[in-house]
Amino acid sequence: MAFALKLRKAAKPDITKRIDGTSSMLGIGNYLKRKPKLLSGGQKQRVAMGRAIVRRPAAFLMDEPLSNLDAKLRVQMRTEIQELHQQLHTTTMYVTHDQVEAMTMADRVAVMRDGVLQQIDRPQKLYDEPVNLFVAGFIGSPAMNLVPAKLGSSNGRAWAEFGSHRLDLPKRAPQQDKDVILGIRPESMEDVRFAHYSDSAQTLDVTVGIAEPLGSEVIVHFEMDSPPVQTKDVFDLAADLEGSGYQLGREHATFTARLHPRTDANDGTPLKLAVDVENLYLFDKETGAALS
């Protein structure tokens, strides 16, 4: 940790003061005399951070700092980095492929694709108002459900149709008789018995493929009688996000819903879902741009 300071020919008392203060902050004060091979993965990460902190830089660049840690340690180190940032008040640029890390740690998130900036904003704004299909699919876990749909209207009501399903839209469609991609977040669907949506909520009748009880919620996966979205955006998301849910080569679109823990949904059982139509997303089929 003192190496960079020695190269700068810093005074020994100053070096000792910085090392003691930084090691205490990082909780590694008792390990300063240990060899690297005697440190755990998390301790080595703290040492690496300490080497940067003692230099008192104007900004930190952290490039995938937690990628080699196990899941439990990642959560712990994520919290510690946030606490460290609050103490140091130093600008930090954090590079990651993990959107959970980006959403939970950042004041502002920049979503990049092939070296091109897609959108930069507060985490919640990215989640609520993605500018295109790639950002919408990247932000959110489980990922947003996507399906090809056709916009139309009748009797003054706009709707989106996919497969045998039709959802009435609360607002006027941006363009009638237009092929679009419809996006529904997993948390915008709920077992109709537990839905807190308004009376205007639409429903979908589906058959559960797999139910995953997680204690505080149940994640269910099911197929829709509609083909999957097959655009470059989805191909890139499937390649970039391991376990994203965007599975290529399937005949039907696969959906995921986040349900109340008391739901009776189980593998192979029928399920009526309420859909919060106030939170549907529409994207241009050709460009992937979000439609108003």
C-alpha atoms as a PDB file:
ATOM      1  CA  MET A   1       0.000   0.000   0.000  1.00  0.00           C
ATOM      2  CA  ALA A   2       2.948   2.343   0.640  1.00  0.00           C
ATOM      3  CA  PHE A   3       4.644   1.633  -2.699  1.00  0.00           C
ATOM      4  CA  ALA A   4       3.285   4.618  -4.655  1.00  0.00           C
ATOM      5  CA  LEU A   5       4.004   6.980  -1.754  1.00  0.00           C
ATOM      6  CA  LYS A   6       7.617   5.758  -1.515  1.00  0.00           C
ATOM      7  CA  LEU A   7       8.067   6.413  -5.244  1.00  0.00           C
ATOM      8  CA  ARG A   8       6.876   9.958  -4.627  1.00  0.00           C
ATOM      9  CA  LYS A   9       9.447  10.218  -1.838  1.00  0.00           C
ATOM     10  CA  ALA A  10       6.760  11.080   0.706  1.00  0.00           C
ATOM     11  CA  ALA A  11       7.898  11.582   4.299  1.00  0.00           C
ATOM     12  CA  LYS A  12       7.807   8.413   6.408  1.00  0.00           C
ATOM     13  CA  PRO A  13       5.505   9.934   9.077  1.00  0.00           C
ATOM     14  CA  ASP A  14       3.048  10.926   6.323  1.00  0.00           C
ATOM     15  CA  ILE A  15       3.200   7.436   4.819  1.00  0.00           C
ATOM     16  CA  THR A  16       2.538   5.813   8.197  1.00  0.00           C
ATOM     17  CA  LYS A  17      -0.359   8.174   8.894  1.00  0.00           C
ATOM     18  CA  ARG A  18      -2.015   7.475   5.535  1.00  0.00           C
ATOM     19  CA  ILE A  19      -1.524   3.704   5.760  1.00  0.00           C
ATOM     20  CA  ASP A  20      -2.907   3.527   9.299  1.00  0.00           C
ATOM     21  CA  GLY A  21      -5.930   5.674   8.473  1.00  0.00           C
ATOM     22  CA  THR A  22      -6.761   3.861   5.237  1.00  0.00           C
ATOM     23  CA  SER A  23      -6.246   0.349   6.624  1.00  0.00           C
ATOM     24  CA  SER A  24      -8.488   1.187   9.584  1.00  0.00           C
ATOM     25  CA  MET A  25     -11.165   2.515   7.222  1.00  0.00           C
ATOM     26  CA  LEU A  26     -11.009  -0.673   5.139  1.00  0.00           C
ATOM     27  CA  GLY A  27     -10.865  -3.037   8.116  1.00  0.00           C
ATOM     28  CA  ILE A  28      -7.477  -4.535   7.183  1.00  0.00           C
ATOM     29  CA  GLY A  29      -5.343  -3.017   9.945  1.00  0.00           C
ATOM     30  CA  ASN A  30      -4.615  -6.435  11.421  1.00  0.00           C
ATOM     31  CA  TYR A  31      -3.368  -7.836   8.096  1.00  0.00           C
ATOM     32  CA  LEU A  32      -0.671  -5.303   7.143  1.00  0.00           C
ATOM     33  CA  LYS A  33       2.185  -7.705   7.922  1.00  0.00           C
ATOM     34  CA  ARG A  34       0.700 -10.611   5.960  1.00  0.00           C
ATOM     35  CA  LYS A  35       1.909 -11.848   2.602  1.00  0.00           C
ATOM     36  CA  PRO A  36      -0.625 -11.619  -0.268  1.00  0.00           C
ATOM     37  CA  LYS A  37      -0.975 -15.430  -0.438  1.00  0.00           C
ATOM     38  CA  LEU A  38      -2.300 -15.404   3.144  1.00  0.00           C
ATOM     39  CA  LEU A  39      -5.150 -12.998   2.313  1.00  0.00           C
ATOM     40  CA  SER A  40      -8.663 -13.914   1.223  1.00  0.00           C
ATOM     41  CA  GLY A  41     -10.200 -12.602  -2.008  1.00  0.00           C
ATOM     42  CA  GLY A  42     -12.100  -9.880  -0.195  1.00  0.00           C
ATOM     43  CA  GLN A  43      -9.008  -8.796   1.744  1.00  0.00           C
ATOM     44  CA  LYS A  44      -6.990  -8.568  -1.473  1.00  0.00           C
ATOM     45  CA  GLN A  45      -9.702  -6.363  -2.966  1.00  0.00           C
ATOM     46  CA  ARG A  46      -9.502  -4.072   0.060  1.00  0.00           C
ATOM     47  CA  VAL A  47      -5.720  -3.873  -0.244  1.00  0.00           C
ATOM     48  CA  ALA A  48      -6.037  -2.929  -3.921  1.00  0.00           C
ATOM     49  CA  MET A  49      -8.502  -0.190  -3.010  1.00  0.00           C
ATOM     50  CA  GLY A  50      -6.193   0.935  -0.199  1.00  0.00           C
ATOM     51  CA  ARG A  51      -3.279   1.354  -2.632  1.00  0.00           C
ATOM     52  CA  ALA A  52      -5.418   3.779  -4.625  1.00  0.00           C
ATOM     53  CA  ILE A  53      -6.908   5.597  -1.622  1.00  0.00           C
ATOM     54  CA  VAL A  54      -3.574   6.454   0.046  1.00  0.00           C
ATOM     55  CA  ARG A  55      -2.577   8.398  -3.074  1.00  0.00           C
ATOM     56  CA  ARG A  56      -5.608  10.688  -2.559  1.00  0.00           C
ATOM     57  CA  PRO A  57      -6.469  10.909  -6.264  1.00  0.00           C
ATOM     58  CA  ALA A  58      -8.957  13.346  -7.781  1.00  0.00           C
ATOM     59  CA  ALA A  59     -11.017  10.414  -9.109  1.00  0.00           C
ATOM     60  CA  PHE A  60     -11.194   6.622  -8.951  1.00  0.00           C
ATOM     61  CA  LEU A  61     -11.678   4.297 -11.906  1.00  0.00           C
ATOM     62  CA  MET A  62     -12.917   0.866 -10.838  1.00  0.00           C
ATOM     63  CA  ASP A  63     -13.035  -1.646 -13.678  1.00  0.00           C
ATOM     64  CA  GLU A  64     -15.089  -4.718 -12.713  1.00  0.00           C
ATOM     65  CA  PRO A  65     -13.619  -4.740  -9.172  1.00  0.00           C
ATOM     66  CA  LEU A  66     -15.964  -7.445  -7.880  1.00  0.00           C
ATOM     67  CA  SER A  67     -15.998  -9.801 -10.858  1.00  0.00           C
ATOM     68  CA  ASN A  68     -13.811 -12.490  -9.233  1.00  0.00           C
ATOM     69  CA  LEU A  69     -15.667 -12.664  -5.916  1.00  0.00           C
ATOM     70  CA  ASP A  70     -18.388 -15.115  -4.909  1.00  0.00           C
ATOM     71  CA  ALA A  71     -21.989 -13.877  -4.668  1.00  0.00           C
ATOM     72  CA  LYS A  72     -22.032 -13.305  -0.893  1.00  0.00           C
ATOM     73  CA  LEU A  73     -18.751 -11.410  -0.886  1.00  0.00           C
ATOM     74  CA  ARG A  74     -19.869  -9.314  -3.865  1.00  0.00           C
ATOM     75  CA  VAL A  75     -22.846  -8.030  -1.876  1.00  0.00           C
ATOM     76  CA  GLN A  76     -20.637  -7.255   1.117  1.00  0.00           C
ATOM     77  CA  MET A  77     -17.996  -5.454  -0.933  1.00  0.00           C
ATOM     78  CA  ARG A  78     -20.663  -3.531  -2.842  1.00  0.00           C
ATOM     79  CA  THR A  79     -21.919  -2.095   0.451  1.00  0.00           C
ATOM     80  CA  GLU A  80     -18.382  -1.319   1.615  1.00  0.00           C
ATOM     81  CA  ILE A  81     -17.544   0.543  -1.605  1.00  0.00           C
ATOM     82  CA  GLN A  82     -20.683   2.660  -1.185  1.00  0.00           C
ATOM     83  CA  GLU A  83     -19.763   3.468   2.415  1.00  0.00           C
ATOM     84  CA  LEU A  84     -16.221   4.300   1.314  1.00  0.00           C
ATOM     85  CA  HIS A  85     -17.521   6.669  -1.345  1.00  0.00           C
ATOM     86  CA  GLN A  86     -19.647   8.466   1.248  1.00  0.00           C
ATOM     87  CA  GLN A  87     -16.589   8.935   3.462  1.00  0.00           C
ATOM     88  CA  LEU A  88     -14.153  10.069   0.764  1.00  0.00           C
ATOM     89  CA  HIS A  89     -16.523  12.123  -1.429  1.00  0.00           C
ATOM     90  CA  THR A  90     -14.283  11.343  -4.394  1.00  0.00           C
ATOM     91  CA  THR A  91     -15.679  11.065  -7.912  1.00  0.00           C
ATOM     92  CA  THR A  92     -15.743   7.398  -8.874  1.00  0.00           C
ATOM     93  CA  MET A  93     -16.276   5.895 -12.318  1.00  0.00           C
ATOM     94  CA  TYR A  94     -17.354   2.278 -11.903  1.00  0.00           C
ATOM     95  CA  VAL A  95     -17.349  -0.057 -14.906  1.00  0.00           C
ATOM     96  CA  THR A  96     -19.528  -3.165 -14.700  1.00  0.00           C
ATOM     97  CA  HIS A  97     -21.644  -5.584 -16.745  1.00  0.00           C
ATOM     98  CA  ASP A  98     -23.801  -6.231 -13.663  1.00  0.00           C
ATOM     99  CA  GLN A  99     -26.836  -3.952 -13.887  1.00  0.00           C
ATOM    100  CA  VAL A 100     -27.688  -4.623 -10.214  1.00  0.00           C
ATOM    101  CA  GLU A 101     -24.335  -3.131  -9.211  1.00  0.00           C
ATOM    102  CA  ALA A 102     -24.942  -0.150 -11.493  1.00  0.00           C
ATOM    103  CA  MET A 103     -28.474   0.485 -10.191  1.00  0.00           C
ATOM    104  CA  THR A 104     -27.663   0.128  -6.484  1.00  0.00           C
ATOM    105  CA  MET A 105     -24.332   1.969  -6.362  1.00  0.00           C
ATOM    106  CA  ALA A 106     -24.523   4.834  -8.844  1.00  0.00           C
ATOM    107  CA  ASP A 107     -25.829   8.386  -8.700  1.00  0.00           C
ATOM    108  CA  ARG A 108     -25.872   8.354 -12.490  1.00  0.00           C
ATOM    109  CA  VAL A 109     -25.608   5.407 -14.865  1.00  0.00           C
ATOM    110  CA  ALA A 110     -24.289   5.476 -18.427  1.00  0.00           C
ATOM    111  CA  VAL A 111     -25.397   2.531 -20.567  1.00  0.00           C
ATOM    112  CA  MET A 112     -22.902   1.741 -23.334  1.00  0.00           C
ATOM    113  CA  ARG A 113     -23.320  -0.494 -26.362  1.00  0.00           C
ATOM    114  CA  ASP A 114     -20.487  -1.241 -28.776  1.00  0.00           C
ATOM    115  CA  GLY A 115     -18.669   1.835 -27.472  1.00  0.00           C
ATOM    116  CA  VAL A 116     -21.647   4.134 -28.078  1.00  0.00           C
ATOM    117  CA  LEU A 117     -23.484   5.887 -25.242  1.00  0.00           C
ATOM    118  CA  GLN A 118     -27.159   4.865 -25.261  1.00  0.00           C
ATOM    119  CA  GLN A 119     -28.488   6.790 -22.249  1.00  0.00           C
ATOM    120  CA  ILE A 120     -27.150   8.472 -19.119  1.00  0.00           C
ATOM    121  CA  ASP A 121     -29.410   9.364 -16.193  1.00  0.00           C
ATOM    122  CA  ARG A 122     -30.387   8.538 -12.643  1.00  0.00           C
ATOM    123  CA  PRO A 123     -30.933   4.778 -12.105  1.00  0.00           C
ATOM    124  CA  GLN A 124     -34.687   5.115 -11.540  1.00  0.00           C
ATOM    125  CA  LYS A 125     -35.075   7.274 -14.649  1.00  0.00           C
ATOM    126  CA  LEU A 126     -33.328   4.626 -16.734  1.00  0.00           C
ATOM    127  CA  TYR A 127     -35.705   2.033 -15.328  1.00  0.00           C
ATOM    128  CA  ASP A 128     -38.870   4.107 -15.808  1.00  0.00           C
ATOM    129  CA  GLU A 129     -38.059   5.823 -19.105  1.00  0.00           C
ATOM    130  CA  PRO A 130     -35.601   3.838 -21.237  1.00  0.00           C
ATOM    131  CA  VAL A 131     -34.873   5.553 -24.541  1.00  0.00           C
ATOM    132  CA  ASN A 132     -34.647   2.345 -26.531  1.00  0.00           C
ATOM    133  CA  LEU A 133     -35.122  -1.405 -26.483  1.00  0.00           C
ATOM    134  CA  PHE A 134     -31.525  -2.172 -25.502  1.00  0.00           C
ATOM    135  CA  VAL A 135     -31.627   0.008 -22.369  1.00  0.00           C
ATOM    136  CA  ALA A 136     -35.063  -1.345 -21.440  1.00  0.00           C
ATOM    137  CA  GLY A 137     -33.858  -4.928 -21.698  1.00  0.00           C
ATOM    138  CA  PHE A 138     -30.586  -4.258 -19.883  1.00  0.00           C
ATOM    139  CA  ILE A 139     -32.051  -2.451 -16.860  1.00  0.00           C
ATOM    140  CA  GLY A 140     -34.260  -4.556 -14.587  1.00  0.00           C
ATOM    141  CA  SER A 141     -33.992  -8.018 -13.054  1.00  0.00           C
ATOM    142  CA  PRO A 142     -35.681 -10.227 -14.142  1.00  0.00           C
ATOM    143  CA  ALA A 143     -35.443  -8.563 -17.542  1.00  0.00           C
ATOM    144  CA  MET A 144     -38.354  -6.897 -19.308  1.00  0.00           C
ATOM    145  CA  ASN A 145     -40.643  -9.247 -21.269  1.00  0.00           C
ATOM    146  CA  LEU A 146     -40.707  -8.461 -24.993  1.00  0.00           C
ATOM    147  CA  VAL A 147     -43.137  -9.607 -27.661  1.00  0.00           C
ATOM    148  CA  PRO A 148     -44.025  -8.481 -31.222  1.00  0.00           C
ATOM    149  CA  ALA A 149     -47.392  -6.672 -31.232  1.00  0.00           C
ATOM    150  CA  LYS A 150     -49.661  -4.712 -33.517  1.00  0.00           C
ATOM    151  CA  LEU A 151     -51.238  -1.410 -32.538  1.00  0.00           C
ATOM    152  CA  GLY A 152     -54.803  -0.607 -33.453  1.00  0.00           C
ATOM    153  CA  SER A 153     -57.951   1.068 -32.217  1.00  0.00           C
ATOM    154  CA  SER A 154     -61.686   0.539 -32.181  1.00  0.00           C
ATOM    155  CA  ASN A 155     -64.557   2.486 -30.645  1.00  0.00           C
ATOM    156  CA  GLY A 156     -62.166   5.168 -29.514  1.00  0.00           C
ATOM    157  CA  ARG A 157     -59.941   2.731 -27.590  1.00  0.00           C
ATOM    158  CA  ALA A 158     -56.365   1.936 -28.538  1.00  0.00           C
ATOM    159  CA  TRP A 159     -55.009  -1.565 -28.083  1.00  0.00           C
ATOM    160  CA  ALA A 160     -51.956  -3.749 -28.618  1.00  0.00           C
ATOM    161  CA  GLU A 161     -52.487  -7.278 -29.947  1.00  0.00           C
ATOM    162  CA  PHE A 162     -50.059 -10.203 -29.716  1.00  0.00           C
ATOM    163  CA  GLY A 163     -50.932 -13.848 -30.332  1.00  0.00           C
ATOM    164  CA  SER A 164     -54.470 -14.446 -29.041  1.00  0.00           C
ATOM    165  CA  HIS A 165     -54.170 -11.626 -26.488  1.00  0.00           C
ATOM    166  CA  ARG A 166     -55.225  -8.005 -26.651  1.00  0.00           C
ATOM    167  CA  LEU A 167     -54.425  -5.330 -24.078  1.00  0.00           C
ATOM    168  CA  ASP A 168     -56.271  -2.012 -24.141  1.00  0.00           C
ATOM    169  CA  LEU A 169     -53.887   0.913 -23.811  1.00  0.00           C
ATOM    170  CA  PRO A 170     -54.666   3.719 -21.353  1.00  0.00           C
ATOM    171  CA  LYS A 171     -53.366   6.316 -23.803  1.00  0.00           C
ATOM    172  CA  ARG A 172     -53.743   6.902 -27.502  1.00  0.00           C
ATOM    173  CA  ALA A 173     -51.474   4.690 -29.586  1.00  0.00           C
ATOM    174  CA  PRO A 174     -48.615   6.603 -31.245  1.00  0.00           C
ATOM    175  CA  GLN A 175     -49.655   5.185 -34.607  1.00  0.00           C
ATOM    176  CA  GLN A 176     -52.489   2.831 -35.529  1.00  0.00           C
ATOM    177  CA  ASP A 177     -51.959  -0.372 -37.517  1.00  0.00           C
ATOM    178  CA  LYS A 178     -48.250  -0.295 -36.687  1.00  0.00           C
ATOM    179  CA  ASP A 179     -46.063  -3.275 -35.885  1.00  0.00           C
ATOM    180  CA  VAL A 180     -44.189  -2.628 -32.648  1.00  0.00           C
ATOM    181  CA  ILE A 181     -42.441  -4.445 -29.830  1.00  0.00           C
ATOM    182  CA  LEU A 182     -44.424  -4.488 -26.593  1.00  0.00           C
ATOM    183  CA  GLY A 183     -42.548  -4.501 -23.284  1.00  0.00           C
ATOM    184  CA  ILE A 184     -43.996  -5.646 -19.952  1.00  0.00           C
ATOM    185  CA  ARG A 185     -41.888  -5.740 -16.807  1.00  0.00           C
ATOM    186  CA  PRO A 186     -42.258  -8.872 -14.620  1.00  0.00           C
ATOM    187  CA  GLU A 187     -43.436  -6.730 -11.679  1.00  0.00           C
ATOM    188  CA  SER A 188     -46.221  -5.257 -13.845  1.00  0.00           C
ATOM    189  CA  MET A 189     -47.987  -8.641 -13.796  1.00  0.00           C
ATOM    190  CA  GLU A 190     -49.571 -10.199 -10.727  1.00  0.00           C
ATOM    191  CA  ASP A 191     -51.816 -13.088  -9.738  1.00  0.00           C
ATOM    192  CA  VAL A 192     -55.237 -11.481 -10.182  1.00  0.00           C
ATOM    193  CA  ARG A 193     -56.168 -12.398  -6.588  1.00  0.00           C
ATOM    194  CA  PHE A 194     -53.395 -10.205  -5.198  1.00  0.00           C
ATOM    195  CA  ALA A 195     -53.186  -7.392  -7.769  1.00  0.00           C
ATOM    196  CA  HIS A 196     -53.366  -3.901  -6.298  1.00  0.00           C
ATOM    197  CA  TYR A 197     -53.852  -2.281  -9.707  1.00  0.00           C
ATOM    198  CA  SER A 198     -56.870  -0.145 -10.482  1.00  0.00           C
ATOM    199  CA  ASP A 199     -60.094  -1.586 -11.877  1.00  0.00           C
ATOM    200  CA  SER A 200     -58.820  -0.799 -15.364  1.00  0.00           C
ATOM    201  CA  ALA A 201     -56.198  -3.594 -15.192  1.00  0.00           C
ATOM    202  CA  GLN A 202     -56.252  -6.070 -18.074  1.00  0.00           C
ATOM    203  CA  THR A 203     -55.855  -9.834 -17.619  1.00  0.00           C
ATOM    204  CA  LEU A 204     -53.945 -12.611 -19.357  1.00  0.00           C
ATOM    205  CA  ASP A 205     -54.770 -16.331 -19.093  1.00  0.00           C
ATOM    206  CA  VAL A 206     -51.555 -18.351 -19.178  1.00  0.00           C
ATOM    207  CA  THR A 207     -50.178 -21.750 -18.176  1.00  0.00           C
ATOM    208  CA  VAL A 208     -47.232 -21.729 -15.785  1.00  0.00           C
ATOM    209  CA  GLY A 209     -44.148 -23.456 -17.127  1.00  0.00           C
ATOM    210  CA  ILE A 210     -41.870 -23.165 -14.084  1.00  0.00           C
ATOM    211  CA  ALA A 211     -42.580 -21.586 -10.688  1.00  0.00           C
ATOM    212  CA  GLU A 212     -39.677 -20.524  -8.477  1.00  0.00           C
ATOM    213  CA  PRO A 213     -40.708 -19.810  -4.847  1.00  0.00           C
ATOM    214  CA  LEU A 214     -38.201 -17.414  -3.274  1.00  0.00           C
ATOM    215  CA  GLY A 215     -39.916 -16.817   0.060  1.00  0.00           C
ATOM    216  CA  SER A 216     -40.687 -13.115  -0.409  1.00  0.00           C
ATOM    217  CA  GLU A 217     -42.004 -13.663  -3.946  1.00  0.00           C
ATOM    218  CA  VAL A 218     -42.619 -16.294  -6.601  1.00  0.00           C
ATOM    219  CA  ILE A 219     -41.039 -15.974 -10.047  1.00  0.00           C
ATOM    220  CA  VAL A 220     -43.011 -17.780 -12.743  1.00  0.00           C
ATOM    221  CA  HIS A 221     -41.976 -18.486 -16.332  1.00  0.00           C
ATOM    222  CA  PHE A 222     -44.460 -19.231 -19.101  1.00  0.00           C
ATOM    223  CA  GLU A 223     -44.799 -19.195 -22.875  1.00  0.00           C
ATOM    224  CA  MET A 224     -47.090 -16.929 -24.880  1.00  0.00           C
ATOM    225  CA  ASP A 225     -48.786 -18.032 -28.103  1.00  0.00           C
ATOM    226  CA  SER A 226     -46.707 -15.504 -30.015  1.00  0.00           C
ATOM    227  CA  PRO A 227     -43.305 -15.678 -31.694  1.00  0.00           C
ATOM    228  CA  PRO A 228     -40.293 -14.233 -29.839  1.00  0.00           C
ATOM    229  CA  VAL A 229     -38.695 -10.918 -30.708  1.00  0.00           C
ATOM    230  CA  GLN A 230     -35.826 -11.503 -33.113  1.00  0.00           C
ATOM    231  CA  THR A 231     -33.943  -8.253 -33.540  1.00  0.00           C
ATOM    232  CA  LYS A 232     -30.281  -7.300 -33.136  1.00  0.00           C
ATOM    233  CA  ASP A 233     -31.155  -5.606 -29.834  1.00  0.00           C
ATOM    234  CA  VAL A 234     -32.383  -8.873 -28.353  1.00  0.00           C
ATOM    235  CA  PHE A 235     -29.482 -10.864 -29.809  1.00  0.00           C
ATOM    236  CA  ASP A 236     -27.028  -8.425 -28.201  1.00  0.00           C
ATOM    237  CA  LEU A 237     -28.858  -8.554 -24.864  1.00  0.00           C
ATOM    238  CA  ALA A 238     -28.839 -12.353 -24.888  1.00  0.00           C
ATOM    239  CA  ALA A 239     -25.093 -12.318 -25.562  1.00  0.00           C
ATOM    240  CA  ASP A 240     -24.272  -9.619 -22.977  1.00  0.00           C
ATOM    241  CA  LEU A 241     -26.548 -10.675 -20.120  1.00  0.00           C
ATOM    242  CA  GLU A 242     -26.014 -14.239 -18.953  1.00  0.00           C
ATOM    243  CA  GLY A 243     -29.299 -15.514 -17.535  1.00  0.00           C
ATOM    244  CA  SER A 244     -31.177 -12.533 -18.965  1.00  0.00           C
ATOM    245  CA  GLY A 245     -34.154 -14.649 -20.019  1.00  0.00           C
ATOM    246  CA  TYR A 246     -33.693 -13.707 -23.688  1.00  0.00           C
ATOM    247  CA  GLN A 247     -33.346 -17.236 -25.018  1.00  0.00           C
ATOM    248  CA  LEU A 248     -32.731 -17.553 -28.729  1.00  0.00           C
ATOM    249  CA  GLY A 249     -34.054 -20.292 -30.976  1.00  0.00           C
ATOM    250  CA  ARG A 250     -37.403 -20.750 -29.193  1.00  0.00           C
ATOM    251  CA  GLU A 251     -40.654 -21.040 -31.114  1.00  0.00           C
ATOM    252  CA  HIS A 252     -42.673 -18.920 -28.672  1.00  0.00           C
ATOM    253  CA  ALA A 253     -41.961 -15.825 -26.581  1.00  0.00           C
ATOM    254  CA  THR A 254     -41.085 -16.676 -22.975  1.00  0.00           C
ATOM    255  CA  PHE A 255     -42.407 -14.392 -20.227  1.00  0.00           C
ATOM    256  CA  THR A 256     -41.452 -13.961 -16.572  1.00  0.00           C
ATOM    257  CA  ALA A 257     -43.722 -12.576 -13.839  1.00  0.00           C
ATOM    258  CA  ARG A 258     -42.962 -11.614 -10.238  1.00  0.00           C
ATOM    259  CA  LEU A 259     -45.886 -12.718  -8.042  1.00  0.00           C
ATOM    260  CA  HIS A 260     -47.153 -12.498  -4.481  1.00  0.00           C
ATOM    261  CA  PRO A 261     -45.625 -15.234  -2.265  1.00  0.00           C
ATOM    262  CA  ARG A 262     -49.100 -16.616  -1.448  1.00  0.00           C
ATOM    263  CA  THR A 263     -49.973 -17.353  -5.065  1.00  0.00           C
ATOM    264  CA  ASP A 264     -51.085 -20.901  -5.926  1.00  0.00           C
ATOM    265  CA  ALA A 265     -49.112 -20.809  -9.173  1.00  0.00           C
ATOM    266  CA  ASN A 266     -47.250 -24.051  -9.736  1.00  0.00           C
ATOM    267  CA  ASP A 267     -45.607 -25.921 -12.585  1.00  0.00           C
ATOM    268  CA  GLY A 268     -48.197 -26.694 -15.267  1.00  0.00           C
ATOM    269  CA  THR A 269     -51.144 -24.924 -13.592  1.00  0.00           C
ATOM    270  CA  PRO A 270     -53.382 -22.332 -15.288  1.00  0.00           C
ATOM    271  CA  LEU A 271     -53.007 -18.767 -14.026  1.00  0.00           C
ATOM    272  CA  LYS A 272     -54.926 -15.534 -14.551  1.00  0.00           C
ATOM    273  CA  LEU A 273     -52.596 -12.549 -14.461  1.00  0.00           C
ATOM    274  CA  ALA A 274     -53.577  -8.923 -13.985  1.00  0.00           C
ATOM    275  CA  VAL A 275     -51.463  -6.573 -16.111  1.00  0.00           C
ATOM    276  CA  ASP A 276     -50.729  -3.016 -15.040  1.00  0.00           C
ATOM    277  CA  VAL A 277     -51.352  -1.388 -18.431  1.00  0.00           C
ATOM    278  CA  GLU A 278     -50.245   1.988 -17.092  1.00  0.00           C
ATOM    279  CA  ASN A 279     -46.686   0.639 -17.225  1.00  0.00           C
ATOM    280  CA  LEU A 280     -46.480  -0.901 -20.674  1.00  0.00           C
ATOM    281  CA  TYR A 281     -43.649   0.007 -23.053  1.00  0.00           C
ATOM    282  CA  LEU A 282     -43.739   0.316 -26.841  1.00  0.00           C
ATOM    283  CA  PHE A 283     -40.685   0.239 -29.107  1.00  0.00           C
ATOM    284  CA  ASP A 284     -40.233   0.771 -32.813  1.00  0.00           C
ATOM    285  CA  LYS A 285     -39.743  -2.619 -34.452  1.00  0.00           C
ATOM    286  CA  GLU A 286     -37.101  -1.355 -36.898  1.00  0.00           C
ATOM    287  CA  THR A 287     -35.013   1.073 -34.819  1.00  0.00           C
ATOM    288  CA  GLY A 288     -35.743  -0.095 -31.271  1.00  0.00           C
ATOM    289  CA  ALA A 289     -36.466   3.502 -30.209  1.00  0.00           C
ATOM    290  CA  ALA A 290     -39.021   3.994 -27.445  1.00  0.00           C
ATOM    291  CA  LEU A 291     -42.412   5.274 -28.628  1.00  0.00           C
ATOM    292  CA  SER A 292     -44.274   7.888 -26.609  1.00  0.00           C
END
